[in-house]
Amino acid sequence: MALTRITVPDTVLQVKTAVDTALRTTTSSTFVVADNTAQVSITPLAATSKFLITCCGTFSSVDGDDAWFASIFRDSTNLGHSTRGLAHGNSVPGVSVTFMPCSMTILDSPSTASAITYGLRFRSYNADSDGHNTARLGQTLAGTSTIIPTHIVVMEVAG
């Protein structure tokens, strides 16, 4: 006798999480992982499933008057805007580094039952064209070496 799976629409089928507790940097002008471990591999239980993805982290741009952009990717597909992603921020000229906590949320319908990976990618933007910019993910808590963690949560929802 074969078992039949019954799924109720809008029911959470599975939840996976990942956390990164290291400081990550990039000077790349294109979205990169930069070794961050806020990446979740998941195999959908149904091709009709939807995925609710949330990701939070603390970003900064090291050089004054420059910026960072962050997005959530499904494998190599940017789920945000192709160049601006889902979140961004900039530093202020002549002012010390500004740490910017951010949270991104998106609902995705990949239409597949094959394994996929959702993850955070970020990039730098050299707004003042001075040749210097480093985007940072994860900051140290004031006066300590403890990194503020980056989190990603992926929830599969029955379609």
C-alpha atoms as a PDB file:
ATOM      1  CA  MET A   1       0.000   0.000   0.000  1.00  0.00           C
ATOM      2  CA  ALA A   2       1.409   3.388  -1.022  1.00  0.00           C
ATOM      3  CA  LEU A   3       1.283   6.339   1.319  1.00  0.00           C
ATOM      4  CA  THR A   4      -0.341   9.507   0.050  1.00  0.00           C
ATOM      5  CA  ARG A   5       0.891  12.894   1.220  1.00  0.00           C
ATOM      6  CA  ILE A   6      -1.858  15.405   1.866  1.00  0.00           C
ATOM      7  CA  THR A   7      -0.820  19.049   1.913  1.00  0.00           C
ATOM      8  CA  VAL A   8      -3.002  21.926   2.908  1.00  0.00           C
ATOM      9  CA  PRO A   9      -2.389  25.166   0.969  1.00  0.00           C
ATOM     10  CA  ASP A  10      -0.507  27.848   2.922  1.00  0.00           C
ATOM     11  CA  THR A  11       0.851  25.309   5.421  1.00  0.00           C
ATOM     12  CA  VAL A  12       4.534  25.481   6.364  1.00  0.00           C
ATOM     13  CA  LEU A  13       6.144  22.259   5.138  1.00  0.00           C
ATOM     14  CA  GLN A  14       9.729  22.767   6.282  1.00  0.00           C
ATOM     15  CA  VAL A  15      12.019  25.442   7.722  1.00  0.00           C
ATOM     16  CA  LYS A  16      15.791  25.688   7.341  1.00  0.00           C
ATOM     17  CA  THR A  17      18.165  28.283   8.745  1.00  0.00           C
ATOM     18  CA  ALA A  18      21.800  29.302   8.549  1.00  0.00           C
ATOM     19  CA  VAL A  19      23.939  31.810  10.402  1.00  0.00           C
ATOM     20  CA  ASP A  20      27.257  33.487   9.675  1.00  0.00           C
ATOM     21  CA  THR A  21      29.311  34.784  12.587  1.00  0.00           C
ATOM     22  CA  ALA A  22      32.312  36.188  10.719  1.00  0.00           C
ATOM     23  CA  LEU A  23      33.165  39.580   9.257  1.00  0.00           C
ATOM     24  CA  ARG A  24      32.973  39.396   5.448  1.00  0.00           C
ATOM     25  CA  THR A  25      34.230  42.015   2.998  1.00  0.00           C
ATOM     26  CA  THR A  26      34.194  42.639  -0.727  1.00  0.00           C
ATOM     27  CA  THR A  27      35.421  45.252  -3.161  1.00  0.00           C
ATOM     28  CA  SER A  28      33.479  43.603  -5.982  1.00  0.00           C
ATOM     29  CA  SER A  29      31.026  45.731  -7.944  1.00  0.00           C
ATOM     30  CA  THR A  30      28.964  42.601  -8.693  1.00  0.00           C
ATOM     31  CA  PHE A  31      27.020  40.523  -6.164  1.00  0.00           C
ATOM     32  CA  VAL A  32      29.205  37.907  -4.440  1.00  0.00           C
ATOM     33  CA  VAL A  33      28.870  35.410  -1.589  1.00  0.00           C
ATOM     34  CA  ALA A  34      32.272  36.507  -0.181  1.00  0.00           C
ATOM     35  CA  ASP A  35      32.495  33.275   1.847  1.00  0.00           C
ATOM     36  CA  ASN A  36      29.439  34.147   3.973  1.00  0.00           C
ATOM     37  CA  THR A  37      27.597  31.112   5.310  1.00  0.00           C
ATOM     38  CA  ALA A  38      24.092  32.641   5.231  1.00  0.00           C
ATOM     39  CA  GLN A  39      23.252  30.026   2.576  1.00  0.00           C
ATOM     40  CA  VAL A  40      20.509  27.379   2.799  1.00  0.00           C
ATOM     41  CA  SER A  41      20.189  24.329   0.549  1.00  0.00           C
ATOM     42  CA  ILE A  42      16.687  22.885   0.441  1.00  0.00           C
ATOM     43  CA  THR A  43      14.839  20.281  -1.636  1.00  0.00           C
ATOM     44  CA  PRO A  44      11.193  21.275  -2.164  1.00  0.00           C
ATOM     45  CA  LEU A  45       8.607  18.719  -1.116  1.00  0.00           C
ATOM     46  CA  ALA A  46       6.443  19.808  -4.068  1.00  0.00           C
ATOM     47  CA  ALA A  47       7.012  21.696  -7.318  1.00  0.00           C
ATOM     48  CA  THR A  48       4.051  23.942  -6.438  1.00  0.00           C
ATOM     49  CA  SER A  49       5.592  25.143  -3.165  1.00  0.00           C
ATOM     50  CA  LYS A  50       6.374  28.752  -2.395  1.00  0.00           C
ATOM     51  CA  PHE A  51       9.309  29.864  -0.260  1.00  0.00           C
ATOM     52  CA  LEU A  52       9.346  32.726   2.217  1.00  0.00           C
ATOM     53  CA  ILE A  53      12.922  33.870   2.736  1.00  0.00           C
ATOM     54  CA  THR A  54      14.067  36.352   5.361  1.00  0.00           C
ATOM     55  CA  CYS A  55      17.619  37.492   5.874  1.00  0.00           C
ATOM     56  CA  CYS A  56      19.108  40.022   8.269  1.00  0.00           C
ATOM     57  CA  GLY A  57      22.590  41.371   8.788  1.00  0.00           C
ATOM     58  CA  THR A  58      24.631  44.477   9.508  1.00  0.00           C
ATOM     59  CA  PHE A  59      26.376  46.197   6.610  1.00  0.00           C
ATOM     60  CA  SER A  60      28.717  49.124   6.136  1.00  0.00           C
ATOM     61  CA  SER A  61      30.766  50.837   3.504  1.00  0.00           C
ATOM     62  CA  VAL A  62      34.280  51.553   4.723  1.00  0.00           C
ATOM     63  CA  ASP A  63      35.058  54.599   2.538  1.00  0.00           C
ATOM     64  CA  GLY A  64      33.162  57.895   2.891  1.00  0.00           C
ATOM     65  CA  ASP A  65      30.531  58.609   0.222  1.00  0.00           C
ATOM     66  CA  ASP A  66      30.354  55.019  -0.991  1.00  0.00           C
ATOM     67  CA  ALA A  67      27.672  52.334  -0.733  1.00  0.00           C
ATOM     68  CA  TRP A  68      26.721  48.666  -0.440  1.00  0.00           C
ATOM     69  CA  PHE A  69      23.902  46.636  -1.978  1.00  0.00           C
ATOM     70  CA  ALA A  70      22.543  43.281  -0.735  1.00  0.00           C
ATOM     71  CA  SER A  71      20.118  40.729  -2.143  1.00  0.00           C
ATOM     72  CA  ILE A  72      18.762  37.229  -1.717  1.00  0.00           C
ATOM     73  CA  PHE A  73      19.611  34.776  -4.499  1.00  0.00           C
ATOM     74  CA  ARG A  74      18.062  31.474  -5.563  1.00  0.00           C
ATOM     75  CA  ASP A  75      21.076  29.617  -6.922  1.00  0.00           C
ATOM     76  CA  SER A  76      22.479  32.221  -9.368  1.00  0.00           C
ATOM     77  CA  THR A  77      19.190  34.161  -9.761  1.00  0.00           C
ATOM     78  CA  ASN A  78      18.957  37.522  -8.003  1.00  0.00           C
ATOM     79  CA  LEU A  79      15.473  37.731  -6.459  1.00  0.00           C
ATOM     80  CA  GLY A  80      15.801  41.502  -6.121  1.00  0.00           C
ATOM     81  CA  HIS A  81      16.656  44.226  -8.618  1.00  0.00           C
ATOM     82  CA  SER A  82      19.514  43.215 -10.918  1.00  0.00           C
ATOM     83  CA  THR A  83      21.884  45.974  -9.700  1.00  0.00           C
ATOM     84  CA  ARG A  84      20.259  47.369  -6.539  1.00  0.00           C
ATOM     85  CA  GLY A  85      19.165  44.052  -4.970  1.00  0.00           C
ATOM     86  CA  LEU A  86      16.717  44.190  -2.060  1.00  0.00           C
ATOM     87  CA  ALA A  87      18.568  46.515   0.347  1.00  0.00           C
ATOM     88  CA  HIS A  88      21.227  49.193   0.196  1.00  0.00           C
ATOM     89  CA  GLY A  89      22.900  51.934   2.184  1.00  0.00           C
ATOM     90  CA  ASN A  90      25.692  54.448   1.915  1.00  0.00           C
ATOM     91  CA  SER A  91      28.319  56.090   4.057  1.00  0.00           C
ATOM     92  CA  VAL A  92      28.495  59.830   4.582  1.00  0.00           C
ATOM     93  CA  PRO A  93      31.485  61.827   3.276  1.00  0.00           C
ATOM     94  CA  GLY A  94      33.952  62.748   5.995  1.00  0.00           C
ATOM     95  CA  VAL A  95      32.122  60.707   8.637  1.00  0.00           C
ATOM     96  CA  SER A  96      33.231  57.470  10.236  1.00  0.00           C
ATOM     97  CA  VAL A  97      31.808  54.147   9.071  1.00  0.00           C
ATOM     98  CA  THR A  98      28.039  53.892   9.576  1.00  0.00           C
ATOM     99  CA  PHE A  99      26.783  50.424  10.539  1.00  0.00           C
ATOM    100  CA  MET A 100      23.406  49.694   8.978  1.00  0.00           C
ATOM    101  CA  PRO A 101      21.320  46.778  10.177  1.00  0.00           C
ATOM    102  CA  CYS A 102      18.949  45.557   7.497  1.00  0.00           C
ATOM    103  CA  SER A 103      16.333  42.909   6.935  1.00  0.00           C
ATOM    104  CA  MET A 104      15.169  41.526   3.598  1.00  0.00           C
ATOM    105  CA  THR A 105      12.092  39.372   2.961  1.00  0.00           C
ATOM    106  CA  ILE A 106      10.840  37.898  -0.302  1.00  0.00           C
ATOM    107  CA  LEU A 107       8.334  35.257  -1.422  1.00  0.00           C
ATOM    108  CA  ASP A 108       9.617  33.013  -4.223  1.00  0.00           C
ATOM    109  CA  SER A 109       7.853  30.441  -6.403  1.00  0.00           C
ATOM    110  CA  PRO A 110      10.651  28.439  -8.056  1.00  0.00           C
ATOM    111  CA  SER A 111       8.341  25.800  -9.653  1.00  0.00           C
ATOM    112  CA  THR A 112      10.759  22.936  -9.084  1.00  0.00           C
ATOM    113  CA  ALA A 113      11.127  19.850  -6.943  1.00  0.00           C
ATOM    114  CA  SER A 114      14.924  19.859  -7.406  1.00  0.00           C
ATOM    115  CA  ALA A 115      17.354  21.008  -4.724  1.00  0.00           C
ATOM    116  CA  ILE A 116      17.948  24.765  -4.631  1.00  0.00           C
ATOM    117  CA  THR A 117      20.108  27.109  -2.575  1.00  0.00           C
ATOM    118  CA  TYR A 118      18.919  30.424  -1.164  1.00  0.00           C
ATOM    119  CA  GLY A 119      21.589  32.781   0.062  1.00  0.00           C
ATOM    120  CA  LEU A 120      22.752  36.288   0.775  1.00  0.00           C
ATOM    121  CA  ARG A 121      25.036  38.096  -1.644  1.00  0.00           C
ATOM    122  CA  PHE A 122      26.319  41.655  -1.454  1.00  0.00           C
ATOM    123  CA  ARG A 123      28.432  44.116  -3.423  1.00  0.00           C
ATOM    124  CA  SER A 124      30.182  47.455  -3.081  1.00  0.00           C
ATOM    125  CA  TYR A 125      29.551  50.664  -4.998  1.00  0.00           C
ATOM    126  CA  ASN A 126      32.245  53.300  -5.406  1.00  0.00           C
ATOM    127  CA  ALA A 127      29.929  56.332  -5.609  1.00  0.00           C
ATOM    128  CA  ASP A 128      32.666  58.990  -5.485  1.00  0.00           C
ATOM    129  CA  SER A 129      34.938  57.209  -8.004  1.00  0.00           C
ATOM    130  CA  ASP A 130      38.001  57.553  -5.788  1.00  0.00           C
ATOM    131  CA  GLY A 131      39.036  53.942  -6.353  1.00  0.00           C
ATOM    132  CA  HIS A 132      38.461  52.938  -2.734  1.00  0.00           C
ATOM    133  CA  ASN A 133      35.478  51.063  -1.402  1.00  0.00           C
ATOM    134  CA  THR A 134      34.973  47.985   0.690  1.00  0.00           C
ATOM    135  CA  ALA A 135      31.523  46.730   1.601  1.00  0.00           C
ATOM    136  CA  ARG A 136      31.368  44.892   4.925  1.00  0.00           C
ATOM    137  CA  LEU A 137      28.904  42.302   6.231  1.00  0.00           C
ATOM    138  CA  GLY A 138      28.927  41.649   9.977  1.00  0.00           C
ATOM    139  CA  GLN A 139      30.262  44.155  12.465  1.00  0.00           C
ATOM    140  CA  THR A 140      31.936  43.824  15.829  1.00  0.00           C
ATOM    141  CA  LEU A 141      30.019  44.858  18.912  1.00  0.00           C
ATOM    142  CA  ALA A 142      31.491  48.027  20.406  1.00  0.00           C
ATOM    143  CA  GLY A 143      34.567  47.277  22.466  1.00  0.00           C
ATOM    144  CA  THR A 144      34.558  43.537  21.722  1.00  0.00           C
ATOM    145  CA  SER A 145      35.654  41.124  19.017  1.00  0.00           C
ATOM    146  CA  THR A 146      32.175  39.536  18.917  1.00  0.00           C
ATOM    147  CA  ILE A 147      30.612  39.687  15.446  1.00  0.00           C
ATOM    148  CA  ILE A 148      26.946  40.608  15.048  1.00  0.00           C
ATOM    149  CA  PRO A 149      25.621  37.486  13.259  1.00  0.00           C
ATOM    150  CA  THR A 150      23.923  37.343   9.859  1.00  0.00           C
ATOM    151  CA  HIS A 151      20.845  35.086   9.664  1.00  0.00           C
ATOM    152  CA  ILE A 152      18.775  33.547   6.872  1.00  0.00           C
ATOM    153  CA  VAL A 153      15.501  31.619   7.309  1.00  0.00           C
ATOM    154  CA  VAL A 154      13.853  29.682   4.463  1.00  0.00           C
ATOM    155  CA  MET A 155      10.287  28.420   4.902  1.00  0.00           C
ATOM    156  CA  GLU A 156       8.632  26.140   2.355  1.00  0.00           C
ATOM    157  CA  VAL A 157       4.891  26.813   2.141  1.00  0.00           C
ATOM    158  CA  ALA A 158       2.444  24.450   0.416  1.00  0.00           C
ATOM    159  CA  GLY A 159       1.098  25.950  -2.811  1.00  0.00           C
END
